[in-house]
Amino acid sequence: MIRVGFVGTGGFTQHHISFLQEFENVKVVGFVGSSEEKAANFANRYKDTTGYASLESMIKHEQLDAVYICVPPMGHENYEELLIDKGIPFLVEKPLGVDEMQVRQVRDKVKETHHLTSVGYHFRYMDTIKLFQDKLHYVNVGAVLGKWMGSMPNVYWWKNQQQSGGQFNEQTTHIVDLIRYLFGEVKSVYAQETNAITQQRDSSVTVADVGLFTLTMENGLIIQVTNTAVLPDGVGEVGLKAYTDQGIIDWQPGHIDMQTHAKLEKYLNKQNPYRKESEAFLHAVATGDRSKILSTYEDSWHTFAVALAARRSIQENRVVHLGEWDV
């Protein structure tokens, strides 16, 4: 039986538990909240679980085989480092954080100890992304467009640049990660952002609500990524589109379309990528076989570094090369 603990008591924790409860070899045993009272109230929803005020306390009182870290970007504290020191594998939700030095230190420690990790870039586990990946072997790609177009979450920390890192770090990171997974590493970034609408309506907003990002890849491909948070709730577009010498590959979270001069093929995503992500991670915890994990902490550092480069590009109004970081 794999005994699992959670850091965080929000929506992502609830989402993971919804299918972990179906795993015969997994038992969720505890939760760490922002207060012991909050953690205890959350634990009351789930049989035979306990709420804790700190990760140290949960580690002391529970025999943990794995921990899920589901906290906002600014809320990582020392969780990853403590779990590494205790030899407990962890799955951490994206993004890795907002503090470059903290993320870098965790990355280095993971590398030094060969610690078992997984990062919540769940799109990698979609069967439609596997189709996208396979199709790329038979085409030549000319241009790629990525987008994350939605509304601004009504969450205090998301609206704060220092706490969330902005939309590109907090949401569009999924698209950047898919770009790396499908098309290779990013060589340089040129980024522009502005606040077009939301700041006029809410003075607490310090993040941009429109951004344009040009990624030049190591292989020479030029990719344009766009994001916005100005749309009304319930309206949005998320996707990745490749223009090739054979036609158009258009991926969205629920499906992928492949259009040639002769036909249009549509494939629906059939499997739950969150479930596959957990299956891969927990399989590694149980057996030591990490081959099914598609996103590790060390790999995800490169996605985080693209957000760092974009931020510097905006601040200094120039093209920023990823080589400026120890990537």
Protein backbone atom coordinates (compact mmCIF):
# COMPACT_ATOMS: atom_id res chain seq x y z
CA MET A 1 0.00 0.00 0.00
CA ILE A 2 1.39 3.42 -1.03
CA ARG A 3 0.72 5.98 1.70
CA VAL A 4 0.26 9.47 0.24
CA GLY A 5 0.19 12.88 1.89
CA PHE A 6 -0.80 16.23 0.43
CA VAL A 7 0.53 19.74 0.96
CA GLY A 8 -2.33 22.08 0.12
CA THR A 9 -6.09 21.89 0.61
CA GLY A 10 -7.36 23.57 -2.56
CA GLY A 11 -8.98 22.50 -5.78
CA PHE A 12 -6.01 20.59 -7.19
CA THR A 13 -5.74 18.47 -4.06
CA GLN A 14 -9.43 17.61 -4.33
CA HIS A 15 -9.02 16.81 -8.03
CA HIS A 16 -6.12 14.42 -7.45
CA ILE A 17 -7.91 12.68 -4.59
CA SER A 18 -11.00 12.16 -6.74
CA PHE A 19 -9.24 9.45 -8.71
CA LEU A 20 -6.54 8.38 -6.23
CA GLN A 21 -9.41 6.99 -4.17
CA GLU A 22 -10.03 4.56 -7.02
CA PHE A 23 -6.48 3.15 -6.86
CA GLU A 24 -6.47 -0.10 -4.90
CA ASN A 25 -2.84 0.26 -3.84
CA VAL A 26 -3.02 3.88 -2.65
CA LYS A 27 -4.12 5.30 0.70
CA VAL A 28 -4.33 9.06 1.31
CA VAL A 29 -3.38 9.61 4.95
CA GLY A 30 -2.88 13.32 5.62
CA PHE A 31 -3.03 16.95 4.58
CA VAL A 32 -0.97 20.02 5.36
CA GLY A 33 -2.93 23.28 5.31
CA SER A 34 -2.17 26.93 5.90
CA SER A 35 -3.39 26.29 9.46
CA GLU A 36 -4.03 23.16 11.50
CA GLU A 37 -7.72 24.07 11.73
CA LYS A 38 -8.05 24.40 7.97
CA ALA A 39 -6.20 21.12 7.42
CA ALA A 40 -8.34 19.33 10.00
CA ASN A 41 -11.57 20.60 8.46
CA PHE A 42 -10.38 19.42 5.06
CA ALA A 43 -9.38 16.01 6.44
CA ASN A 44 -12.88 15.57 7.86
CA ARG A 45 -14.10 15.09 4.28
CA TYR A 46 -11.98 11.97 3.81
CA LYS A 47 -12.06 8.79 5.88
CA ASP A 48 -9.03 7.92 8.02
CA THR A 49 -7.05 11.07 7.20
CA THR A 50 -5.50 13.70 9.47
CA GLY A 51 -4.86 17.42 9.07
CA TYR A 52 -1.50 18.93 10.01
CA ALA A 53 -0.20 22.47 10.47
CA SER A 54 3.18 21.66 8.90
CA LEU A 55 4.88 19.16 6.63
CA GLU A 56 7.35 18.39 9.42
CA SER A 57 4.46 17.31 11.63
CA MET A 58 2.91 15.12 8.92
CA ILE A 59 6.26 13.43 8.26
CA LYS A 60 6.71 12.81 11.99
CA HIS A 61 3.30 11.21 12.49
CA GLU A 62 2.74 9.41 9.17
CA GLN A 63 4.74 6.80 7.32
CA LEU A 64 4.74 8.53 3.95
CA ASP A 65 5.71 6.89 0.67
CA ALA A 66 4.93 9.93 -1.50
CA VAL A 67 3.69 13.51 -1.22
CA TYR A 68 1.74 15.71 -3.62
CA ILE A 69 2.56 19.45 -3.39
CA CYS A 70 -0.42 21.51 -4.56
CA VAL A 71 0.28 25.10 -3.53
CA PRO A 72 0.28 28.51 -5.27
CA PRO A 73 3.53 29.63 -6.95
CA MET A 74 4.65 31.73 -3.95
CA GLY A 75 3.74 29.06 -1.39
CA HIS A 76 6.44 26.42 -1.76
CA GLU A 77 8.36 27.32 1.41
CA ASN A 78 10.86 24.50 2.10
CA TYR A 79 8.58 21.61 1.14
CA GLU A 80 10.63 20.17 -1.71
CA GLU A 81 13.93 20.41 0.15
CA LEU A 82 12.49 18.79 3.26
CA LEU A 83 11.10 15.88 1.24
CA ILE A 84 14.43 15.41 -0.51
CA ASP A 85 16.20 15.33 2.87
CA LYS A 86 13.75 12.71 4.10
CA GLY A 87 13.97 10.67 0.89
CA ILE A 88 10.24 10.98 0.14
CA PRO A 89 9.27 11.17 -3.57
CA PHE A 90 7.03 14.07 -4.56
CA LEU A 91 4.76 15.23 -7.35
CA VAL A 92 4.56 19.01 -7.49
CA GLU A 93 2.00 21.02 -9.40
CA LYS A 94 3.19 23.59 -11.93
CA PRO A 95 4.67 26.16 -11.98
CA LEU A 96 7.75 25.33 -9.93
CA GLY A 97 7.53 28.69 -8.17
CA VAL A 98 8.35 32.37 -8.57
CA ASP A 99 11.71 32.58 -6.77
CA GLU A 100 14.56 31.70 -9.16
CA MET A 101 17.10 30.92 -6.44
CA GLN A 102 14.70 28.66 -4.54
CA VAL A 103 13.77 26.69 -7.66
CA ARG A 104 17.42 26.48 -8.71
CA GLN A 105 18.43 25.12 -5.29
CA VAL A 106 15.72 22.46 -5.41
CA ARG A 107 16.74 21.50 -8.95
CA ASP A 108 20.38 21.12 -7.92
CA LYS A 109 19.44 19.06 -4.88
CA VAL A 110 17.20 16.79 -6.95
CA LYS A 111 20.04 16.27 -9.40
CA GLU A 112 22.62 15.57 -6.70
CA THR A 113 20.45 13.02 -4.89
CA HIS A 114 18.70 11.53 -7.96
CA HIS A 115 15.47 12.16 -6.09
CA LEU A 116 12.22 10.77 -7.54
CA THR A 117 10.02 13.63 -8.75
CA SER A 118 7.16 14.39 -11.09
CA VAL A 119 5.76 17.78 -12.14
CA GLY A 120 2.13 18.42 -13.03
CA TYR A 121 2.46 19.16 -16.74
CA HIS A 122 -0.43 16.80 -17.38
CA PHE A 123 -0.94 17.74 -21.05
CA ARG A 124 2.10 15.59 -21.86
CA TYR A 125 0.07 12.53 -20.87
CA MET A 126 -2.77 13.16 -23.34
CA ASP A 127 -3.21 10.62 -26.10
CA THR A 128 -3.79 13.52 -28.52
CA ILE A 129 -0.32 14.86 -27.69
CA LYS A 130 1.13 11.43 -28.50
CA LEU A 131 -0.66 11.68 -31.88
CA PHE A 132 0.80 15.17 -32.37
CA GLN A 133 4.26 13.88 -31.53
CA ASP A 134 3.96 10.94 -33.91
CA LYS A 135 2.68 13.12 -36.77
CA LEU A 136 5.68 15.43 -36.50
CA HIS A 137 7.93 12.61 -37.71
CA TYR A 138 6.31 12.82 -41.15
CA VAL A 139 6.08 16.58 -41.76
CA ASN A 140 8.28 19.64 -41.95
CA VAL A 141 7.10 22.40 -39.63
CA GLY A 142 7.17 25.99 -40.84
CA ALA A 143 5.42 27.94 -38.08
CA VAL A 144 3.81 27.27 -34.70
CA LEU A 145 1.27 29.34 -32.77
CA GLY A 146 0.45 28.75 -29.10
CA LYS A 147 -2.25 30.43 -27.04
CA TRP A 148 -3.83 30.63 -23.60
CA MET A 149 -6.77 33.01 -23.84
CA GLY A 150 -9.10 33.28 -20.89
CA SER A 151 -10.42 35.33 -18.00
CA MET A 152 -8.60 36.52 -14.90
CA PRO A 153 -9.09 34.14 -11.96
CA ASN A 154 -10.71 35.86 -9.01
CA VAL A 155 -7.88 34.88 -6.67
CA TYR A 156 -5.83 37.47 -4.82
CA TRP A 157 -2.43 35.88 -5.41
CA TRP A 158 -3.03 35.26 -9.14
CA LYS A 159 -3.55 38.99 -9.72
CA ASN A 160 -0.28 39.83 -7.97
CA GLN A 161 2.87 39.69 -10.13
CA GLN A 162 5.17 38.96 -7.19
CA GLN A 163 3.03 36.06 -5.98
CA SER A 164 1.97 34.35 -9.22
CA GLY A 165 4.66 35.44 -11.67
CA GLY A 166 1.90 36.48 -14.08
CA GLN A 167 -0.15 34.54 -16.60
CA PHE A 168 2.83 33.37 -18.64
CA ASN A 169 4.36 31.71 -15.56
CA GLU A 170 1.12 30.46 -14.03
CA GLN A 171 -1.02 29.30 -16.97
CA THR A 172 0.76 29.66 -20.30
CA THR A 173 3.59 27.58 -18.82
CA HIS A 174 1.53 24.56 -19.98
CA ILE A 175 1.85 25.71 -23.60
CA VAL A 176 5.55 26.48 -23.23
CA ASP A 177 6.10 23.03 -21.77
CA LEU A 178 4.29 21.37 -24.68
CA ILE A 179 6.38 23.42 -27.11
CA ARG A 180 9.54 22.06 -25.48
CA TYR A 181 8.13 18.52 -25.43
CA LEU A 182 7.18 18.58 -29.11
CA PHE A 183 9.71 20.92 -30.76
CA GLY A 184 12.85 20.91 -28.60
CA GLU A 185 14.57 23.46 -26.42
CA VAL A 186 14.12 27.23 -26.54
CA LYS A 187 17.14 29.30 -27.56
CA SER A 188 15.84 32.83 -26.96
CA VAL A 189 12.75 34.81 -25.99
CA TYR A 190 11.44 38.24 -26.89
CA ALA A 191 8.41 39.23 -24.83
CA GLN A 192 5.96 42.11 -24.61
CA GLU A 193 3.17 42.58 -22.06
CA THR A 194 0.64 45.22 -21.11
CA ASN A 195 -2.42 45.61 -18.94
CA ALA A 196 -5.12 46.55 -21.43
CA ILE A 197 -8.32 46.36 -19.39
CA THR A 198 -8.34 44.67 -15.98
CA GLN A 199 -6.27 47.17 -14.02
CA GLN A 200 -8.79 49.89 -14.87
CA ARG A 201 -11.49 47.81 -13.20
CA ASP A 202 -9.45 46.45 -10.28
CA SER A 203 -6.58 48.50 -8.86
CA SER A 204 -5.20 45.45 -7.00
CA VAL A 205 -4.18 43.84 -10.31
CA THR A 206 -0.41 44.06 -10.89
CA VAL A 207 -0.13 41.37 -13.59
CA ALA A 208 -0.38 42.00 -17.32
CA ASP A 209 -3.56 40.87 -19.02
CA VAL A 210 -2.12 40.65 -22.56
CA GLY A 211 1.20 39.14 -23.62
CA LEU A 212 3.04 38.28 -26.85
CA PHE A 213 6.08 36.02 -26.76
CA THR A 214 8.40 35.06 -29.61
CA LEU A 215 10.36 31.88 -28.93
CA THR A 216 13.30 31.04 -31.18
CA MET A 217 14.09 27.36 -30.85
CA GLU A 218 17.50 25.68 -30.88
CA ASN A 219 16.53 24.05 -34.20
CA GLY A 220 15.75 27.45 -35.77
CA LEU A 221 11.96 27.22 -35.58
CA ILE A 222 10.20 30.46 -34.61
CA ILE A 223 7.13 30.08 -32.40
CA GLN A 224 4.64 32.77 -31.42
CA VAL A 225 2.80 32.44 -28.10
CA THR A 226 -0.06 34.70 -27.06
CA ASN A 227 -1.97 34.94 -23.81
CA THR A 228 -4.68 37.13 -22.36
CA ALA A 229 -6.83 37.31 -19.23
CA VAL A 230 -9.35 39.89 -20.48
CA LEU A 231 -12.11 37.52 -21.61
CA PRO A 232 -15.32 37.03 -19.62
CA ASP A 233 -15.71 33.87 -17.54
CA GLY A 234 -16.71 30.86 -19.60
CA VAL A 235 -15.08 32.12 -22.81
CA GLY A 236 -11.61 31.05 -23.84
CA GLU A 237 -9.19 29.31 -26.17
CA VAL A 238 -6.21 27.16 -25.30
CA GLY A 239 -4.17 25.42 -27.93
CA LEU A 240 -1.15 24.80 -30.10
CA LYS A 241 -1.22 24.89 -33.90
CA ALA A 242 1.54 23.79 -36.28
CA TYR A 243 1.64 24.82 -39.95
CA THR A 244 3.51 22.21 -41.96
CA ASP A 245 4.31 21.24 -45.55
CA GLN A 246 1.56 18.60 -45.29
CA GLY A 247 -1.14 20.74 -43.69
CA ILE A 248 -2.25 22.02 -40.28
CA ILE A 249 -2.08 20.23 -36.94
CA ASP A 250 -4.43 21.96 -34.49
CA TRP A 251 -4.35 20.75 -30.88
CA GLN A 252 -6.74 21.81 -28.14
CA PRO A 253 -7.09 20.11 -24.74
CA GLY A 254 -10.09 18.02 -25.79
CA HIS A 255 -9.09 17.04 -29.31
CA ILE A 256 -6.65 17.36 -32.19
CA ASP A 257 -7.48 18.17 -35.83
CA MET A 258 -5.21 17.23 -38.72
CA GLN A 259 -6.01 18.99 -41.97
CA THR A 260 -4.47 18.26 -45.37
CA HIS A 261 -5.51 19.29 -48.86
CA ALA A 262 -7.55 16.08 -49.09
CA LYS A 263 -9.24 15.65 -45.71
CA LEU A 264 -9.79 16.82 -42.14
CA GLU A 265 -9.30 14.25 -39.39
CA LYS A 266 -10.45 14.85 -35.81
CA TYR A 267 -9.34 12.76 -32.83
CA LEU A 268 -10.82 13.13 -29.35
CA ASN A 269 -8.77 12.79 -26.20
CA LYS A 270 -9.98 9.61 -24.51
CA GLN A 271 -7.90 9.20 -21.37
CA ASN A 272 -7.66 11.31 -18.20
CA PRO A 273 -4.15 12.81 -18.31
CA TYR A 274 -4.17 13.57 -14.57
CA ARG A 275 -4.85 9.91 -13.85
CA LYS A 276 -2.09 8.78 -16.24
CA GLU A 277 0.29 11.26 -14.62
CA SER A 278 -0.43 9.80 -11.17
CA GLU A 279 -0.23 6.23 -12.44
CA ALA A 280 3.25 6.93 -13.83
CA PHE A 281 4.44 8.61 -10.63
CA LEU A 282 3.04 6.03 -8.24
CA HIS A 283 4.33 3.19 -10.43
CA ALA A 284 7.79 4.70 -10.00
CA VAL A 285 7.27 4.99 -6.24
CA ALA A 286 6.23 1.34 -6.03
CA THR A 287 8.78 -0.18 -8.42
CA GLY A 288 11.60 2.29 -8.97
CA ASP A 289 10.82 2.36 -12.69
CA ARG A 290 10.74 6.04 -13.69
CA SER A 291 10.36 5.48 -17.43
CA LYS A 292 6.65 6.34 -17.46
CA ILE A 293 7.14 9.79 -15.89
CA LEU A 294 7.09 12.37 -18.69
CA SER A 295 7.92 15.49 -16.66
CA THR A 296 10.53 15.58 -13.88
CA TYR A 297 11.71 18.51 -11.75
CA GLU A 298 15.00 18.71 -13.63
CA ASP A 299 13.23 18.82 -17.00
CA SER A 300 10.64 21.32 -15.79
CA TRP A 301 13.40 23.72 -14.78
CA HIS A 302 13.84 24.42 -18.50
CA THR A 303 10.18 25.42 -18.81
CA PHE A 304 10.54 27.66 -15.75
CA ALA A 305 13.68 29.22 -17.26
CA VAL A 306 11.66 30.32 -20.31
CA ALA A 307 9.39 32.29 -17.97
CA LEU A 308 12.46 33.82 -16.34
CA ALA A 309 13.79 34.82 -19.75
CA ALA A 310 10.43 36.33 -20.73
CA ARG A 311 10.36 38.41 -17.55
CA ARG A 312 13.86 39.73 -18.20
CA SER A 313 12.97 40.47 -21.82
CA ILE A 314 10.01 42.58 -20.69
CA GLN A 315 12.07 44.41 -18.09
CA GLU A 316 14.99 45.14 -20.41
CA ASN A 317 13.13 45.30 -23.75
CA ARG A 318 15.48 42.95 -25.57
CA VAL A 319 15.87 39.41 -26.84
CA VAL A 320 17.04 37.22 -23.97
CA HIS A 321 19.02 34.04 -24.60
CA LEU A 322 18.42 31.02 -22.40
CA GLY A 323 22.18 30.67 -22.25
CA GLU A 324 22.13 33.54 -19.74
CA TRP A 325 20.96 30.95 -17.21
CA ASP A 326 22.64 27.78 -16.05
CA VAL A 327 20.06 25.66 -17.84
